[in-house]
Amino acid sequence: MRTKLRSRLSLWLMTGAAALGMAFPACNPANAAIITTLNGSPVAVSGGFAYTYSATLSDGQEIDPRVTPAFGTVYDFGPIIGSITSTGLLNSFFTFSTNLTDPAAYKTAPDDNPGLANIRFTDTTVPVLINSLLGTFTVVSPFGPNTIFASADGQAVNAANGQKLGNVSSVLVPGPVPVPAALPLFGTGLAFLGYLTRKRKRAAHPFAITEAG
């Protein structure tokens, strides 16, 4: 009886685990697809700050345009200055676009503020690639060097079985411009100084008469 019970319990556990794996393939850490990360800190350039990102195809994944388009998206980057420059395979086989909203990667739900522009790179005629650094891309923003976290997703294919994969993670993007703490105090000080100046003038000339022109 105990042997039968253990067998049934083991079968139930294996069946449940398999069902969960089929229902949520994007939750598996191996299903990482394309990962986008910020390289170092933003660099001051003419007119703004340059943000350079790397795009990497994870181990066991591949890009195969015969199965599904591969792409990566950095959400809510905001306004950009000039054009996006890229290196490596991103420069040779991918196109870049900026949109207020973008379709999400396979079975992902990234945060997407429709008031801020996204940056997306999509494969066009790329050959089949496996486990590869796709390259870097640089975007100039009027804001920096402060950063905040936003969503980034990617879509690729499992090299073992050809299954479409999606992944969502966090990436650093330009943050809001902070107001220096001393600036409000500086403004208050100027206003008070102006008040004292006017008060002194009135005290020095209490009966001053302004002639009408």
N, C-alpha and C. Protein backbone atom coordinates (compact mmCIF):
# COMPACT_ATOMS: atom_id res chain seq x y z
N MET A 1 0.84 -1.20 0.00
CA MET A 1 0.00 0.00 0.00
C MET A 1 0.87 1.26 0.00
N ARG A 2 1.93 1.27 0.88
CA ARG A 2 2.80 2.43 0.94
C ARG A 2 3.55 2.64 -0.37
N THR A 3 3.94 1.51 -0.98
CA THR A 3 4.67 1.61 -2.26
C THR A 3 3.78 2.22 -3.32
N LYS A 4 2.53 1.80 -3.40
CA LYS A 4 1.59 2.34 -4.39
C LYS A 4 1.35 3.84 -4.13
N LEU A 5 1.22 4.20 -2.84
CA LEU A 5 0.97 5.59 -2.48
C LEU A 5 2.15 6.48 -2.88
N ARG A 6 3.36 5.98 -2.62
CA ARG A 6 4.55 6.75 -3.01
C ARG A 6 4.64 6.90 -4.52
N SER A 7 4.30 5.87 -5.24
CA SER A 7 4.35 5.92 -6.71
C SER A 7 3.36 6.95 -7.24
N ARG A 8 2.15 6.91 -6.66
CA ARG A 8 1.13 7.87 -7.11
C ARG A 8 1.54 9.31 -6.78
N LEU A 9 2.13 9.49 -5.57
CA LEU A 9 2.56 10.82 -5.17
C LEU A 9 3.69 11.33 -6.08
N SER A 10 4.63 10.47 -6.41
CA SER A 10 5.73 10.86 -7.30
C SER A 10 5.21 11.23 -8.68
N LEU A 11 4.25 10.44 -9.18
CA LEU A 11 3.67 10.71 -10.50
C LEU A 11 2.93 12.04 -10.48
N TRP A 12 2.22 12.30 -9.39
CA TRP A 12 1.48 13.55 -9.28
C TRP A 12 2.42 14.75 -9.25
N LEU A 13 3.52 14.64 -8.50
CA LEU A 13 4.49 15.73 -8.43
C LEU A 13 5.14 16.00 -9.77
N MET A 14 5.51 14.93 -10.49
CA MET A 14 6.15 15.10 -11.80
C MET A 14 5.19 15.71 -12.79
N THR A 15 3.93 15.26 -12.74
CA THR A 15 2.92 15.81 -13.66
C THR A 15 2.68 17.28 -13.38
N GLY A 16 2.60 17.64 -12.08
CA GLY A 16 2.39 19.04 -11.71
C GLY A 16 3.54 19.92 -12.12
N ALA A 17 4.76 19.44 -11.94
CA ALA A 17 5.94 20.22 -12.33
C ALA A 17 5.99 20.42 -13.82
N ALA A 18 5.64 19.39 -14.57
CA ALA A 18 5.65 19.51 -16.03
C ALA A 18 4.59 20.50 -16.49
N ALA A 19 3.44 20.46 -15.86
CA ALA A 19 2.37 21.39 -16.23
C ALA A 19 2.77 22.83 -15.95
N LEU A 20 3.41 23.08 -14.81
CA LEU A 20 3.86 24.42 -14.50
C LEU A 20 4.91 24.89 -15.49
N GLY A 21 5.80 24.01 -15.89
CA GLY A 21 6.83 24.38 -16.86
C GLY A 21 6.25 24.74 -18.20
N MET A 22 5.18 24.04 -18.61
CA MET A 22 4.55 24.35 -19.88
C MET A 22 3.75 25.64 -19.79
N ALA A 23 3.17 25.91 -18.62
CA ALA A 23 2.33 27.08 -18.50
C ALA A 23 3.14 28.37 -18.40
N PHE A 24 4.35 28.28 -17.79
CA PHE A 24 5.14 29.47 -17.56
C PHE A 24 6.56 29.29 -18.06
N PRO A 25 6.77 29.09 -19.36
CA PRO A 25 8.13 28.87 -19.84
C PRO A 25 9.03 30.08 -19.67
N ALA A 26 8.45 31.31 -19.67
CA ALA A 26 9.27 32.50 -19.56
C ALA A 26 9.82 32.69 -18.15
N CYS A 27 9.29 31.96 -17.17
CA CYS A 27 9.78 32.09 -15.79
C CYS A 27 11.04 31.27 -15.56
N ASN A 28 11.37 30.38 -16.47
CA ASN A 28 12.55 29.55 -16.33
C ASN A 28 13.79 30.42 -16.56
N PRO A 29 14.76 30.44 -15.64
CA PRO A 29 15.94 31.27 -15.84
C PRO A 29 16.68 30.98 -17.12
N ALA A 30 16.55 29.75 -17.64
CA ALA A 30 17.24 29.42 -18.90
C ALA A 30 16.62 30.13 -20.09
N ASN A 31 15.36 30.57 -19.94
CA ASN A 31 14.68 31.24 -21.05
C ASN A 31 15.00 32.73 -21.03
N ALA A 32 16.26 33.07 -21.11
CA ALA A 32 16.66 34.46 -20.94
C ALA A 32 16.61 35.26 -22.22
N ALA A 33 16.64 34.60 -23.38
CA ALA A 33 16.54 35.29 -24.67
C ALA A 33 17.63 36.36 -24.79
N ILE A 34 17.24 37.59 -25.19
CA ILE A 34 18.20 38.68 -25.36
C ILE A 34 18.19 39.56 -24.11
N ILE A 35 19.37 39.80 -23.55
CA ILE A 35 19.52 40.61 -22.35
C ILE A 35 20.19 41.93 -22.72
N THR A 36 19.61 43.05 -22.28
CA THR A 36 20.17 44.37 -22.54
C THR A 36 20.63 44.99 -21.23
N THR A 37 21.87 45.49 -21.18
CA THR A 37 22.42 46.09 -19.97
C THR A 37 23.13 47.39 -20.31
N LEU A 38 23.15 48.32 -19.36
CA LEU A 38 23.87 49.58 -19.53
C LEU A 38 25.34 49.37 -19.23
N ASN A 39 26.21 49.85 -20.12
CA ASN A 39 27.66 49.73 -19.92
C ASN A 39 28.17 50.93 -19.13
N GLY A 40 28.58 50.72 -17.90
CA GLY A 40 29.15 51.81 -17.12
C GLY A 40 28.15 52.92 -16.84
N SER A 41 28.65 54.14 -16.77
CA SER A 41 27.83 55.31 -16.46
C SER A 41 27.66 56.17 -17.71
N PRO A 42 26.61 56.99 -17.75
CA PRO A 42 26.44 57.90 -18.89
C PRO A 42 27.64 58.84 -19.01
N VAL A 43 27.98 59.18 -20.25
CA VAL A 43 29.14 60.03 -20.52
C VAL A 43 28.66 61.37 -21.07
N ALA A 44 29.17 62.46 -20.52
CA ALA A 44 28.80 63.80 -20.99
C ALA A 44 29.33 64.02 -22.40
N VAL A 45 28.43 64.43 -23.29
CA VAL A 45 28.79 64.75 -24.67
C VAL A 45 28.13 66.09 -25.02
N SER A 46 28.37 66.55 -26.21
CA SER A 46 27.79 67.82 -26.64
C SER A 46 26.27 67.73 -26.64
N GLY A 47 25.63 68.54 -25.84
CA GLY A 47 24.17 68.61 -25.82
C GLY A 47 23.48 67.65 -24.88
N GLY A 48 24.23 66.72 -24.25
CA GLY A 48 23.55 65.77 -23.38
C GLY A 48 24.48 64.73 -22.81
N PHE A 49 23.95 63.52 -22.63
CA PHE A 49 24.71 62.41 -22.05
C PHE A 49 24.50 61.16 -22.90
N ALA A 50 25.59 60.45 -23.17
CA ALA A 50 25.55 59.25 -24.00
C ALA A 50 25.39 58.01 -23.12
N TYR A 51 24.39 57.19 -23.45
CA TYR A 51 24.13 55.93 -22.75
C TYR A 51 24.45 54.80 -23.72
N THR A 52 25.40 53.93 -23.34
CA THR A 52 25.79 52.82 -24.20
C THR A 52 25.33 51.50 -23.57
N TYR A 53 24.61 50.71 -24.38
CA TYR A 53 24.05 49.44 -23.91
C TYR A 53 24.67 48.27 -24.68
N SER A 54 24.74 47.12 -24.01
CA SER A 54 25.14 45.86 -24.65
C SER A 54 23.94 44.95 -24.77
N ALA A 55 23.85 44.25 -25.88
CA ALA A 55 22.79 43.26 -26.09
C ALA A 55 23.44 41.90 -26.27
N THR A 56 23.06 40.94 -25.42
CA THR A 56 23.68 39.62 -25.42
C THR A 56 22.63 38.54 -25.59
N LEU A 57 22.92 37.58 -26.44
CA LEU A 57 22.08 36.41 -26.61
C LEU A 57 22.51 35.36 -25.60
N SER A 58 21.60 34.91 -24.76
CA SER A 58 21.94 34.04 -23.64
C SER A 58 22.32 32.63 -24.09
N ASP A 59 23.00 31.91 -23.22
CA ASP A 59 23.42 30.54 -23.50
C ASP A 59 22.21 29.67 -23.82
N GLY A 60 22.35 28.84 -24.84
CA GLY A 60 21.28 27.92 -25.21
C GLY A 60 20.18 28.56 -26.04
N GLN A 61 20.32 29.85 -26.35
CA GLN A 61 19.31 30.53 -27.17
C GLN A 61 19.90 30.82 -28.55
N GLU A 62 19.03 31.08 -29.48
CA GLU A 62 19.49 31.43 -30.81
C GLU A 62 18.54 32.41 -31.46
N ILE A 63 19.04 33.09 -32.48
CA ILE A 63 18.22 33.94 -33.32
C ILE A 63 18.00 33.21 -34.63
N ASP A 64 16.75 32.95 -34.93
CA ASP A 64 16.41 32.23 -36.15
C ASP A 64 15.19 32.90 -36.79
N PRO A 65 15.40 33.77 -37.78
CA PRO A 65 14.28 34.49 -38.39
C PRO A 65 13.27 33.56 -39.07
N ARG A 66 13.64 32.30 -39.29
CA ARG A 66 12.69 31.36 -39.90
C ARG A 66 11.60 30.96 -38.91
N VAL A 67 11.89 31.13 -37.61
CA VAL A 67 10.93 30.74 -36.57
C VAL A 67 10.15 31.96 -36.08
N THR A 68 10.84 33.01 -35.68
CA THR A 68 10.19 34.21 -35.16
C THR A 68 11.16 35.37 -35.20
N PRO A 69 10.67 36.59 -35.35
CA PRO A 69 11.58 37.75 -35.28
C PRO A 69 12.21 37.86 -33.89
N ALA A 70 13.48 38.23 -33.86
CA ALA A 70 14.16 38.47 -32.59
C ALA A 70 14.25 39.98 -32.38
N PHE A 71 14.06 40.41 -31.15
CA PHE A 71 14.14 41.84 -30.87
C PHE A 71 14.45 42.06 -29.39
N GLY A 72 14.83 43.29 -29.09
CA GLY A 72 15.02 43.72 -27.71
C GLY A 72 14.48 45.12 -27.57
N THR A 73 13.96 45.46 -26.40
CA THR A 73 13.37 46.77 -26.17
C THR A 73 13.82 47.33 -24.83
N VAL A 74 14.23 48.59 -24.85
CA VAL A 74 14.46 49.35 -23.62
C VAL A 74 13.28 50.29 -23.48
N TYR A 75 12.47 50.07 -22.47
CA TYR A 75 11.25 50.86 -22.31
C TYR A 75 11.51 52.17 -21.57
N ASP A 76 10.72 53.19 -21.93
CA ASP A 76 10.67 54.47 -21.22
C ASP A 76 12.03 55.16 -21.14
N PHE A 77 12.76 55.12 -22.25
CA PHE A 77 14.05 55.83 -22.27
C PHE A 77 13.83 57.34 -22.29
N GLY A 78 12.80 57.79 -22.99
CA GLY A 78 12.53 59.22 -23.08
C GLY A 78 13.10 59.84 -24.34
N PRO A 79 13.19 61.17 -24.38
CA PRO A 79 13.66 61.85 -25.60
C PRO A 79 15.12 61.55 -25.90
N ILE A 80 15.45 61.53 -27.19
CA ILE A 80 16.84 61.30 -27.59
C ILE A 80 17.31 62.44 -28.47
N ILE A 81 18.63 62.59 -28.53
CA ILE A 81 19.25 63.61 -29.37
C ILE A 81 19.99 62.91 -30.50
N GLY A 82 19.71 63.30 -31.74
CA GLY A 82 20.39 62.71 -32.88
C GLY A 82 19.91 61.30 -33.16
N SER A 83 20.79 60.50 -33.76
CA SER A 83 20.44 59.14 -34.15
C SER A 83 21.14 58.13 -33.26
N ILE A 84 20.63 56.90 -33.28
CA ILE A 84 21.21 55.81 -32.49
C ILE A 84 22.35 55.17 -33.29
N THR A 85 23.50 55.00 -32.66
CA THR A 85 24.63 54.34 -33.31
C THR A 85 24.82 52.96 -32.69
N SER A 86 25.32 52.02 -33.48
CA SER A 86 25.47 50.65 -32.99
C SER A 86 26.73 50.01 -33.55
N THR A 87 27.14 48.89 -32.93
CA THR A 87 28.32 48.15 -33.35
C THR A 87 27.96 46.68 -33.50
N GLY A 88 28.89 45.93 -34.12
CA GLY A 88 28.75 44.49 -34.22
C GLY A 88 27.55 44.05 -35.05
N LEU A 89 26.95 42.94 -34.64
CA LEU A 89 25.80 42.39 -35.37
C LEU A 89 24.59 43.31 -35.31
N LEU A 90 24.49 44.10 -34.25
CA LEU A 90 23.38 45.05 -34.17
C LEU A 90 23.45 46.05 -35.32
N ASN A 91 24.68 46.43 -35.67
CA ASN A 91 24.86 47.38 -36.76
C ASN A 91 24.63 46.74 -38.11
N SER A 92 24.95 45.45 -38.24
CA SER A 92 24.88 44.78 -39.54
C SER A 92 23.49 44.23 -39.86
N PHE A 93 22.79 43.72 -38.85
CA PHE A 93 21.58 42.96 -39.14
C PHE A 93 20.32 43.44 -38.41
N PHE A 94 20.42 44.48 -37.59
CA PHE A 94 19.28 44.94 -36.82
C PHE A 94 18.91 46.37 -37.20
N THR A 95 17.63 46.68 -37.10
CA THR A 95 17.16 48.05 -37.29
C THR A 95 16.66 48.60 -35.96
N PHE A 96 16.84 49.90 -35.76
CA PHE A 96 16.43 50.56 -34.52
C PHE A 96 15.24 51.46 -34.78
N SER A 97 14.37 51.54 -33.78
CA SER A 97 13.21 52.42 -33.87
C SER A 97 12.89 52.97 -32.49
N THR A 98 12.20 54.09 -32.47
CA THR A 98 11.72 54.67 -31.21
C THR A 98 10.21 54.83 -31.31
N ASN A 99 9.50 54.28 -30.34
CA ASN A 99 8.04 54.33 -30.33
C ASN A 99 7.56 54.58 -28.91
N LEU A 100 6.35 55.12 -28.79
CA LEU A 100 5.78 55.34 -27.46
C LEU A 100 5.27 54.04 -26.85
N THR A 101 4.85 53.10 -27.68
CA THR A 101 4.44 51.79 -27.20
C THR A 101 4.97 50.73 -28.16
N ASP A 102 5.25 49.53 -27.63
CA ASP A 102 5.76 48.42 -28.43
C ASP A 102 5.13 47.12 -27.97
N PRO A 103 4.89 46.17 -28.90
CA PRO A 103 4.43 44.85 -28.48
C PRO A 103 5.47 44.18 -27.60
N ALA A 104 5.02 43.51 -26.55
CA ALA A 104 5.93 42.86 -25.61
C ALA A 104 6.49 41.57 -26.18
N ALA A 105 7.60 41.12 -25.62
CA ALA A 105 8.18 39.83 -26.01
C ALA A 105 7.25 38.70 -25.56
N TYR A 106 7.52 37.52 -26.06
CA TYR A 106 6.68 36.35 -25.83
C TYR A 106 6.42 36.10 -24.35
N LYS A 107 5.14 36.13 -23.97
CA LYS A 107 4.69 35.84 -22.61
C LYS A 107 5.38 36.70 -21.55
N THR A 108 5.52 38.00 -21.85
CA THR A 108 6.05 38.94 -20.87
C THR A 108 5.08 40.11 -20.73
N ALA A 109 5.23 40.85 -19.65
CA ALA A 109 4.37 42.02 -19.39
C ALA A 109 5.22 43.15 -18.82
N PRO A 110 6.06 43.77 -19.64
CA PRO A 110 6.92 44.85 -19.14
C PRO A 110 6.12 46.12 -18.87
N ASP A 111 6.62 46.95 -17.96
CA ASP A 111 6.02 48.26 -17.73
C ASP A 111 6.34 49.16 -18.92
N ASP A 112 5.33 49.85 -19.43
CA ASP A 112 5.52 50.70 -20.61
C ASP A 112 4.68 51.96 -20.45
N ASN A 113 5.37 53.07 -20.17
CA ASN A 113 4.70 54.37 -20.03
C ASN A 113 4.51 54.96 -21.42
N PRO A 114 3.25 55.13 -21.89
CA PRO A 114 3.03 55.64 -23.24
C PRO A 114 3.47 57.08 -23.44
N GLY A 115 3.86 57.75 -22.36
CA GLY A 115 4.34 59.11 -22.50
C GLY A 115 5.84 59.23 -22.72
N LEU A 116 6.56 58.09 -22.65
CA LEU A 116 8.01 58.09 -22.83
C LEU A 116 8.39 57.14 -23.96
N ALA A 117 9.30 57.57 -24.80
CA ALA A 117 9.68 56.77 -25.97
C ALA A 117 10.51 55.56 -25.57
N ASN A 118 10.26 54.44 -26.25
CA ASN A 118 11.05 53.22 -26.10
C ASN A 118 12.11 53.15 -27.19
N ILE A 119 13.12 52.31 -26.97
CA ILE A 119 14.12 52.03 -28.00
C ILE A 119 14.05 50.55 -28.31
N ARG A 120 13.81 50.20 -29.57
CA ARG A 120 13.70 48.78 -29.96
C ARG A 120 14.66 48.48 -31.10
N PHE A 121 15.31 47.31 -31.01
CA PHE A 121 16.13 46.81 -32.12
C PHE A 121 15.57 45.46 -32.55
N THR A 122 15.40 45.32 -33.87
CA THR A 122 14.74 44.13 -34.44
C THR A 122 15.61 43.55 -35.54
N ASP A 123 15.73 42.21 -35.56
CA ASP A 123 16.53 41.58 -36.61
C ASP A 123 15.80 41.66 -37.95
N THR A 124 16.57 41.75 -39.01
CA THR A 124 15.99 41.83 -40.37
C THR A 124 16.41 40.59 -41.17
N THR A 125 17.65 40.53 -41.56
CA THR A 125 18.12 39.38 -42.35
C THR A 125 19.26 38.66 -41.64
N VAL A 126 19.21 38.64 -40.31
CA VAL A 126 20.31 38.05 -39.56
C VAL A 126 20.36 36.54 -39.77
N PRO A 127 21.55 35.95 -39.91
CA PRO A 127 21.65 34.50 -40.00
C PRO A 127 21.37 33.86 -38.64
N VAL A 128 21.29 32.56 -38.61
CA VAL A 128 21.08 31.86 -37.34
C VAL A 128 22.30 32.08 -36.44
N LEU A 129 22.06 32.58 -35.24
CA LEU A 129 23.14 32.86 -34.30
C LEU A 129 22.87 32.16 -32.98
N ILE A 130 23.92 31.68 -32.34
CA ILE A 130 23.79 30.99 -31.05
C ILE A 130 24.82 31.55 -30.08
N ASN A 131 24.36 31.89 -28.86
CA ASN A 131 25.26 32.31 -27.77
C ASN A 131 26.25 33.39 -28.22
N SER A 132 25.75 34.58 -28.46
CA SER A 132 26.61 35.59 -29.05
C SER A 132 26.35 36.97 -28.44
N LEU A 133 27.43 37.75 -28.30
CA LEU A 133 27.28 39.16 -28.01
C LEU A 133 26.85 39.85 -29.29
N LEU A 134 25.66 40.40 -29.28
CA LEU A 134 25.13 40.99 -30.51
C LEU A 134 25.77 42.33 -30.82
N GLY A 135 26.30 43.00 -29.81
CA GLY A 135 26.94 44.29 -30.04
C GLY A 135 26.48 45.31 -29.03
N THR A 136 26.79 46.57 -29.31
CA THR A 136 26.40 47.67 -28.44
C THR A 136 25.65 48.73 -29.23
N PHE A 137 24.88 49.54 -28.53
CA PHE A 137 24.25 50.70 -29.17
C PHE A 137 24.29 51.88 -28.21
N THR A 138 24.45 53.07 -28.77
CA THR A 138 24.60 54.29 -27.98
C THR A 138 23.50 55.27 -28.32
N VAL A 139 22.89 55.81 -27.27
CA VAL A 139 21.80 56.77 -27.42
C VAL A 139 22.14 58.00 -26.58
N VAL A 140 21.94 59.19 -27.14
CA VAL A 140 22.21 60.43 -26.42
C VAL A 140 20.89 61.00 -25.89
N SER A 141 20.88 61.29 -24.60
CA SER A 141 19.71 61.85 -23.94
C SER A 141 20.04 63.24 -23.43
N PRO A 142 19.06 64.14 -23.39
CA PRO A 142 19.32 65.45 -22.79
C PRO A 142 19.45 65.38 -21.27
N PHE A 143 19.11 64.22 -20.68
CA PHE A 143 19.13 64.07 -19.23
C PHE A 143 20.29 63.17 -18.78
N GLY A 144 20.83 63.46 -17.61
CA GLY A 144 21.88 62.64 -17.04
C GLY A 144 22.66 63.45 -16.03
N PRO A 145 23.60 62.80 -15.34
CA PRO A 145 23.93 61.38 -15.45
C PRO A 145 23.11 60.50 -14.52
N ASN A 146 22.10 61.06 -13.86
CA ASN A 146 21.29 60.26 -12.95
C ASN A 146 20.46 59.24 -13.73
N THR A 147 20.25 58.06 -13.14
CA THR A 147 19.53 56.99 -13.83
C THR A 147 18.47 56.38 -12.91
N ILE A 148 17.47 55.76 -13.52
CA ILE A 148 16.45 55.00 -12.80
C ILE A 148 16.25 53.68 -13.53
N PHE A 149 15.57 52.73 -12.87
CA PHE A 149 15.32 51.44 -13.48
C PHE A 149 14.04 51.47 -14.31
N ALA A 150 14.10 50.82 -15.46
CA ALA A 150 12.93 50.63 -16.32
C ALA A 150 12.94 49.19 -16.83
N SER A 151 11.90 48.82 -17.56
CA SER A 151 11.82 47.45 -18.08
C SER A 151 12.62 47.31 -19.38
N ALA A 152 13.11 46.10 -19.60
CA ALA A 152 13.74 45.73 -20.88
C ALA A 152 13.31 44.31 -21.19
N ASP A 153 12.93 44.05 -22.43
CA ASP A 153 12.57 42.67 -22.78
C ASP A 153 13.33 42.23 -24.01
N GLY A 154 13.27 40.93 -24.29
CA GLY A 154 13.94 40.36 -25.45
C GLY A 154 13.23 39.11 -25.90
N GLN A 155 13.34 38.81 -27.18
CA GLN A 155 12.70 37.61 -27.73
C GLN A 155 13.69 36.87 -28.61
N ALA A 156 13.75 35.56 -28.44
CA ALA A 156 14.66 34.71 -29.21
C ALA A 156 14.05 33.31 -29.29
N VAL A 157 14.89 32.30 -29.60
CA VAL A 157 14.43 30.94 -29.80
C VAL A 157 15.32 29.99 -29.01
N ASN A 158 14.71 28.97 -28.40
CA ASN A 158 15.47 27.93 -27.73
C ASN A 158 16.20 27.10 -28.77
N ALA A 159 17.53 27.02 -28.65
CA ALA A 159 18.33 26.32 -29.66
C ALA A 159 18.05 24.83 -29.67
N ALA A 160 17.60 24.27 -28.55
CA ALA A 160 17.39 22.82 -28.46
C ALA A 160 16.12 22.36 -29.14
N ASN A 161 15.04 23.15 -28.98
CA ASN A 161 13.75 22.68 -29.50
C ASN A 161 13.02 23.67 -30.39
N GLY A 162 13.62 24.83 -30.64
CA GLY A 162 12.99 25.81 -31.53
C GLY A 162 11.83 26.55 -30.91
N GLN A 163 11.65 26.48 -29.60
CA GLN A 163 10.54 27.16 -28.94
C GLN A 163 10.82 28.65 -28.83
N LYS A 164 9.79 29.46 -29.12
CA LYS A 164 9.91 30.91 -28.97
C LYS A 164 10.04 31.24 -27.48
N LEU A 165 10.96 32.17 -27.15
CA LEU A 165 11.21 32.53 -25.75
C LEU A 165 11.14 34.04 -25.57
N GLY A 166 10.71 34.45 -24.39
CA GLY A 166 10.70 35.86 -24.05
C GLY A 166 11.24 36.08 -22.66
N ASN A 167 11.78 37.25 -22.42
CA ASN A 167 12.35 37.57 -21.12
C ASN A 167 12.12 39.05 -20.83
N VAL A 168 11.87 39.37 -19.56
CA VAL A 168 11.77 40.77 -19.15
C VAL A 168 12.66 40.97 -17.92
N SER A 169 13.39 42.07 -17.90
CA SER A 169 14.31 42.36 -16.80
C SER A 169 14.31 43.87 -16.57
N SER A 170 15.25 44.34 -15.75
CA SER A 170 15.38 45.77 -15.47
C SER A 170 16.65 46.31 -16.09
N VAL A 171 16.59 47.56 -16.51
CA VAL A 171 17.75 48.21 -17.11
C VAL A 171 17.72 49.68 -16.71
N LEU A 172 18.89 50.30 -16.64
CA LEU A 172 18.98 51.70 -16.26
C LEU A 172 18.73 52.61 -17.46
N VAL A 173 17.91 53.64 -17.24
CA VAL A 173 17.59 54.63 -18.27
C VAL A 173 17.73 56.02 -17.66
N PRO A 174 17.72 57.09 -18.50
CA PRO A 174 17.81 58.44 -17.94
C PRO A 174 16.69 58.72 -16.94
N GLY A 175 17.05 59.31 -15.80
CA GLY A 175 16.07 59.64 -14.78
C GLY A 175 15.69 61.11 -14.84
N PRO A 176 14.72 61.52 -14.04
CA PRO A 176 14.32 62.93 -14.01
C PRO A 176 15.46 63.80 -13.50
N VAL A 177 15.49 65.04 -13.94
CA VAL A 177 16.57 65.95 -13.55
C VAL A 177 16.29 66.45 -12.14
N PRO A 178 17.18 66.18 -11.17
CA PRO A 178 16.94 66.63 -9.79
C PRO A 178 17.19 68.13 -9.64
N VAL A 179 16.43 68.77 -8.76
CA VAL A 179 16.65 70.19 -8.45
C VAL A 179 17.65 70.26 -7.30
N PRO A 180 18.76 70.99 -7.46
CA PRO A 180 19.74 71.08 -6.37
C PRO A 180 19.08 71.57 -5.09
N ALA A 181 19.46 70.97 -3.97
CA ALA A 181 18.82 71.28 -2.70
C ALA A 181 18.98 72.74 -2.32
N ALA A 182 20.09 73.37 -2.72
CA ALA A 182 20.35 74.76 -2.33
C ALA A 182 19.57 75.76 -3.18
N LEU A 183 19.03 75.33 -4.32
CA LEU A 183 18.39 76.27 -5.23
C LEU A 183 17.15 76.93 -4.63
N PRO A 184 16.22 76.19 -4.00
CA PRO A 184 15.07 76.87 -3.39
C PRO A 184 15.49 77.85 -2.30
N LEU A 185 16.50 77.50 -1.49
CA LEU A 185 16.99 78.40 -0.46
C LEU A 185 17.60 79.65 -1.06
N PHE A 186 18.29 79.49 -2.18
CA PHE A 186 18.89 80.62 -2.87
C PHE A 186 17.82 81.60 -3.34
N GLY A 187 16.73 81.05 -3.90
CA GLY A 187 15.63 81.90 -4.34
C GLY A 187 14.97 82.62 -3.19
N THR A 188 14.77 81.94 -2.08
CA THR A 188 14.19 82.56 -0.90
C THR A 188 15.08 83.68 -0.38
N GLY A 189 16.39 83.46 -0.39
CA GLY A 189 17.33 84.48 0.07
C GLY A 189 17.29 85.72 -0.80
N LEU A 190 17.18 85.56 -2.12
CA LEU A 190 17.10 86.71 -3.02
C LEU A 190 15.84 87.52 -2.74
N ALA A 191 14.72 86.81 -2.54
CA ALA A 191 13.46 87.51 -2.27
C ALA A 191 13.56 88.32 -0.97
N PHE A 192 14.16 87.74 0.06
CA PHE A 192 14.29 88.43 1.35
C PHE A 192 15.22 89.62 1.22
N LEU A 193 16.29 89.48 0.43
CA LEU A 193 17.22 90.57 0.22
C LEU A 193 16.54 91.74 -0.48
N GLY A 194 15.69 91.42 -1.45
CA GLY A 194 14.94 92.47 -2.13
C GLY A 194 14.00 93.20 -1.19
N TYR A 195 13.37 92.45 -0.28
CA TYR A 195 12.48 93.06 0.70
C TYR A 195 13.24 94.02 1.62
N LEU A 196 14.41 93.61 2.10
CA LEU A 196 15.21 94.47 2.97
C LEU A 196 15.65 95.73 2.25
N THR A 197 16.00 95.60 0.97
CA THR A 197 16.45 96.77 0.20
C THR A 197 15.33 97.79 0.09
N ARG A 198 14.12 97.31 -0.23
CA ARG A 198 12.99 98.23 -0.35
C ARG A 198 12.67 98.89 0.98
N LYS A 199 12.79 98.12 2.07
CA LYS A 199 12.49 98.66 3.39
C LYS A 199 13.47 99.76 3.77
N ARG A 200 14.74 99.58 3.44
CA ARG A 200 15.76 100.58 3.76
C ARG A 200 15.52 101.87 2.97
N LYS A 201 15.12 101.72 1.70
CA LYS A 201 14.87 102.91 0.88
C LYS A 201 13.71 103.71 1.45
N ARG A 202 12.67 103.02 1.90
CA ARG A 202 11.52 103.72 2.48
C ARG A 202 11.90 104.41 3.79
N ALA A 203 12.77 103.77 4.59
CA ALA A 203 13.19 104.37 5.84
C ALA A 203 14.04 105.61 5.61
N ALA A 204 14.87 105.59 4.55
CA ALA A 204 15.74 106.73 4.26
C ALA A 204 14.95 107.90 3.68
N HIS A 205 13.85 107.65 3.00
CA HIS A 205 13.05 108.70 2.37
C HIS A 205 11.58 108.49 2.72
N PRO A 206 11.21 108.75 3.96
CA PRO A 206 9.83 108.46 4.38
C PRO A 206 8.80 109.34 3.71
N PHE A 207 9.22 110.55 3.22
CA PHE A 207 8.24 111.45 2.61
C PHE A 207 8.54 111.67 1.13
N ALA A 208 9.12 110.70 0.52
CA ALA A 208 9.45 110.83 -0.91
C ALA A 208 8.16 110.92 -1.71
N ILE A 209 8.18 111.87 -2.66
CA ILE A 209 7.01 112.07 -3.53
C ILE A 209 7.40 111.78 -4.96
N THR A 210 6.64 110.98 -5.58
CA THR A 210 6.90 110.65 -6.98
C THR A 210 6.11 111.60 -7.86
N GLU A 211 6.82 112.33 -8.72
CA GLU A 211 6.16 113.27 -9.61
C GLU A 211 5.59 112.54 -10.81
N ALA A 212 4.41 112.96 -11.16
CA ALA A 212 3.79 112.37 -12.36
C ALA A 212 4.38 113.01 -13.59
N GLY A 213 4.72 112.20 -14.61
CA GLY A 213 5.26 112.77 -15.85
C GLY A 213 4.12 113.37 -16.57
